[in-house]
Amino acid sequence: MVSERFEKQLRFLVEADKMKNVQRQTLIADGSRQETDAEHSWHFALMAMTLFDHAREKDKIDLDRVIRMALVHDLVEVYAGDTFCYDEAANLDKADRERAAADRLFGLLPEEQGREYRALWEEFDEKSTPDAAYAAAIDRLQPLINNHLTGSHTWKKGSVKAEQVKKRIEPVREAMDDEVYTFSNWIIGEGIRQGILK
């Protein structure tokens, strides 16, 4: 009834739908519940479009590719789960878990599509191109803003230190203009002032 290619694409899309059930540590902006990976990816893509004028290297960035990265960057968490960025023990085997998940998930697609999505995911992870650097900055900025709007929920949960957050938002300094980076540092400063960040 359907081609093998279409069947593979459908199987992949059904698996990708599971992102709607992967809970992140970050709360949605109104603080009512945790966001899902799917919601985060959508918000990441929207922020990348909206804040593009704040990118340091606009002339070197392909926004379409950044949006595609936003859509695939957390797909592996369908199998690997979300790893809290400030949990050092959980991060020890994160790369291995995510590589195995990428093999499994992208392997569902027709071969050339699987390679394309895998390459976007790897490029995002390596952060070595202007597209990936900008994508990484947005990926770090989105939860920082939501965390601020929800009373520093994730920082309280993880007993996070200011230096950890500063290191985490380094991609913002590298890929965004001074206005966005200054704003990010202001959020950290507020966390310190309120005694939430040590």
Protein backbone atom coordinates (compact mmCIF):
# COMPACT_ATOMS: atom_id res chain seq x y z
CA MET A 1 0.00 0.00 0.00
CA VAL A 2 2.84 2.43 0.80
CA SER A 3 6.43 2.56 -0.38
CA GLU A 4 9.26 1.31 1.82
CA ARG A 5 10.63 4.88 1.99
CA PHE A 6 7.32 6.31 3.19
CA GLU A 7 6.93 3.50 5.70
CA LYS A 8 10.38 4.27 7.17
CA GLN A 9 9.57 7.97 7.37
CA LEU A 10 6.30 7.25 9.15
CA ARG A 11 8.00 4.90 11.61
CA PHE A 12 10.56 7.61 12.40
CA LEU A 13 7.85 10.25 12.88
CA VAL A 14 5.90 8.01 15.25
CA GLU A 15 9.06 7.49 17.32
CA ALA A 16 9.83 11.23 17.23
CA ASP A 17 6.35 11.88 18.65
CA LYS A 18 7.68 10.42 21.91
CA MET A 19 9.57 13.72 22.42
CA LYS A 20 6.24 15.07 23.66
CA ASN A 21 6.65 12.84 26.72
CA VAL A 22 10.31 13.54 27.54
CA GLN A 23 10.23 15.86 30.53
CA ARG A 24 12.98 18.45 30.93
CA GLN A 25 14.16 19.99 34.20
CA THR A 26 13.08 23.43 32.98
CA LEU A 27 9.59 24.67 33.76
CA ILE A 28 7.44 26.44 31.19
CA ALA A 29 7.45 30.24 31.66
CA ASP A 30 4.33 30.34 33.84
CA GLY A 31 5.91 27.80 36.23
CA SER A 32 2.93 25.44 36.09
CA ARG A 33 4.78 22.34 34.88
CA GLN A 34 7.95 20.97 33.31
CA GLU A 35 8.38 21.53 29.60
CA THR A 36 8.86 18.64 27.21
CA ASP A 37 11.65 18.18 24.69
CA ALA A 38 9.20 18.87 21.87
CA GLU A 39 8.15 22.18 23.44
CA HIS A 40 11.76 23.14 24.03
CA SER A 41 12.68 22.39 20.42
CA TRP A 42 9.79 24.48 19.10
CA HIS A 43 10.68 27.39 21.40
CA PHE A 44 14.35 27.10 20.44
CA ALA A 45 13.42 27.33 16.73
CA LEU A 46 11.16 30.33 17.34
CA MET A 47 13.83 32.10 19.43
CA ALA A 48 16.45 31.45 16.73
CA MET A 49 14.21 33.21 14.20
CA THR A 50 13.21 36.05 16.51
CA LEU A 51 16.65 36.86 17.94
CA PHE A 52 18.61 36.42 14.71
CA ASP A 53 19.46 40.13 14.58
CA HIS A 54 21.47 39.58 17.80
CA ALA A 55 23.72 36.91 16.24
CA ARG A 56 27.38 37.99 16.04
CA GLU A 57 28.01 36.39 12.63
CA LYS A 58 24.68 36.85 10.83
CA ASP A 59 26.39 36.93 7.44
CA LYS A 60 27.88 33.46 8.06
CA ILE A 61 24.76 31.80 9.50
CA ASP A 62 22.13 29.90 7.53
CA LEU A 63 19.03 30.39 9.67
CA ASP A 64 17.19 27.56 7.91
CA ARG A 65 19.92 25.13 8.99
CA VAL A 66 19.78 26.48 12.56
CA ILE A 67 16.03 25.83 12.67
CA ARG A 68 16.60 22.32 11.33
CA MET A 69 19.18 21.79 14.10
CA ALA A 70 16.63 23.01 16.64
CA LEU A 71 14.20 20.37 15.45
CA VAL A 72 16.67 17.46 15.60
CA HIS A 73 19.07 18.44 18.41
CA ASP A 74 17.20 16.64 21.21
CA LEU A 75 15.57 13.83 19.21
CA VAL A 76 18.00 11.32 20.69
CA GLU A 77 16.44 11.93 24.10
CA VAL A 78 13.49 9.82 22.93
CA TYR A 79 15.74 6.89 23.86
CA ALA A 80 18.53 8.47 25.93
CA GLY A 81 16.29 10.60 28.16
CA ASP A 82 16.95 14.15 29.33
CA THR A 83 20.15 14.58 31.33
CA PHE A 84 20.20 17.45 33.83
CA CYS A 85 23.05 19.64 32.66
CA TYR A 86 24.32 20.26 36.21
CA ASP A 87 24.31 16.59 37.25
CA GLU A 88 27.98 15.61 36.83
CA ALA A 89 27.45 11.89 37.45
CA ALA A 90 24.60 11.61 34.94
CA ASN A 91 26.68 13.41 32.32
CA LEU A 92 29.54 10.88 32.48
CA ASP A 93 27.88 8.45 30.07
CA LYS A 94 25.61 10.94 28.29
CA ALA A 95 27.64 10.96 25.05
CA ASP A 96 27.59 7.16 24.81
CA ARG A 97 23.86 6.96 25.54
CA GLU A 98 23.09 9.65 22.98
CA ARG A 99 25.28 8.09 20.25
CA ALA A 100 23.52 4.76 20.70
CA ALA A 101 20.16 6.56 20.58
CA ALA A 102 21.20 8.40 17.40
CA ASP A 103 22.17 5.10 15.76
CA ARG A 104 18.79 3.64 16.61
CA LEU A 105 16.58 6.65 15.83
CA PHE A 106 18.21 8.03 12.70
CA GLY A 107 18.60 4.46 11.47
CA LEU A 108 14.81 4.29 11.12
CA LEU A 109 14.86 6.81 8.27
CA PRO A 110 15.69 6.17 4.62
CA GLU A 111 19.48 6.08 4.49
CA GLU A 112 20.18 9.52 3.00
CA GLN A 113 17.71 11.24 5.36
CA GLY A 114 19.16 9.41 8.32
CA ARG A 115 22.65 10.61 7.37
CA GLU A 116 21.39 14.19 6.92
CA TYR A 117 19.65 14.32 10.31
CA ARG A 118 22.57 12.62 12.02
CA ALA A 119 24.99 15.14 10.48
CA LEU A 120 22.88 18.06 11.73
CA TRP A 121 22.73 16.51 15.21
CA GLU A 122 26.51 15.95 15.28
CA GLU A 123 27.23 19.45 13.97
CA PHE A 124 25.05 20.93 16.72
CA ASP A 125 26.79 18.81 19.33
CA GLU A 126 30.28 19.84 18.17
CA LYS A 127 29.43 23.58 18.02
CA SER A 128 32.25 24.13 15.52
CA THR A 129 30.38 25.99 12.74
CA PRO A 130 28.72 29.43 12.87
CA ASP A 131 25.32 27.73 12.48
CA ALA A 132 25.97 25.36 15.36
CA ALA A 133 27.49 28.08 17.56
CA TYR A 134 24.39 30.24 17.15
CA ALA A 135 22.12 27.23 17.72
CA ALA A 136 24.02 26.34 20.91
CA ALA A 137 23.67 29.91 22.18
CA ILE A 138 19.91 29.84 21.71
CA ASP A 139 19.70 26.37 23.27
CA ARG A 140 21.43 27.72 26.40
CA LEU A 141 19.51 31.01 26.48
CA GLN A 142 16.02 29.49 26.35
CA PRO A 143 16.19 27.55 29.64
CA LEU A 144 18.12 30.39 31.31
CA ILE A 145 15.22 32.77 30.64
CA ASN A 146 12.59 30.22 31.70
CA ASN A 147 14.55 29.45 34.85
CA HIS A 148 14.64 33.16 35.73
CA LEU A 149 10.90 33.49 35.11
CA THR A 150 10.15 30.53 37.40
CA GLY A 151 12.04 31.69 40.48
CA SER A 152 15.29 29.89 39.56
CA HIS A 153 13.56 26.52 39.84
CA THR A 154 16.33 24.41 38.26
CA TRP A 155 19.13 26.19 40.12
CA LYS A 156 17.41 25.49 43.44
CA LYS A 157 16.78 21.89 42.48
CA GLY A 158 20.42 21.25 41.66
CA SER A 159 22.25 23.46 44.22
CA VAL A 160 23.93 25.11 41.27
CA LYS A 161 26.93 27.43 41.52
CA ALA A 162 27.34 30.69 39.58
CA GLU A 163 30.50 29.41 37.90
CA GLN A 164 28.60 26.41 36.52
CA VAL A 165 25.99 28.70 34.96
CA LYS A 166 28.63 31.04 33.54
CA LYS A 167 30.36 28.09 31.91
CA ARG A 168 27.02 26.80 30.63
CA ILE A 169 26.17 30.10 28.90
CA GLU A 170 29.60 30.54 27.30
CA PRO A 171 28.05 29.87 23.85
CA VAL A 172 25.89 32.98 24.40
CA ARG A 173 29.01 35.11 24.85
CA GLU A 174 30.58 33.61 21.75
CA ALA A 175 27.64 33.76 19.34
CA MET A 176 25.32 36.56 20.52
CA ASP A 177 25.79 40.31 20.73
CA ASP A 178 26.72 42.16 23.93
CA GLU A 179 23.10 43.06 24.73
CA VAL A 180 22.04 39.42 24.98
CA TYR A 181 25.19 38.38 26.84
CA THR A 182 24.82 41.26 29.31
CA PHE A 183 21.20 40.26 29.88
CA SER A 184 22.29 36.66 30.52
CA ASN A 185 24.84 37.83 33.07
CA TRP A 186 22.22 40.01 34.73
CA ILE A 187 20.10 36.88 35.26
CA ILE A 188 23.09 35.16 36.89
CA GLY A 189 23.70 38.25 39.01
CA GLU A 190 20.10 38.15 40.20
CA GLY A 191 20.57 34.52 41.20
CA ILE A 192 23.64 35.46 43.22
CA ARG A 193 21.94 38.51 44.77
CA GLN A 194 18.99 36.38 45.87
CA GLY A 195 21.32 33.79 47.41
CA ILE A 196 20.20 31.06 45.00
CA LEU A 197 23.53 30.76 43.19
CA LYS A 198 26.65 30.35 45.29
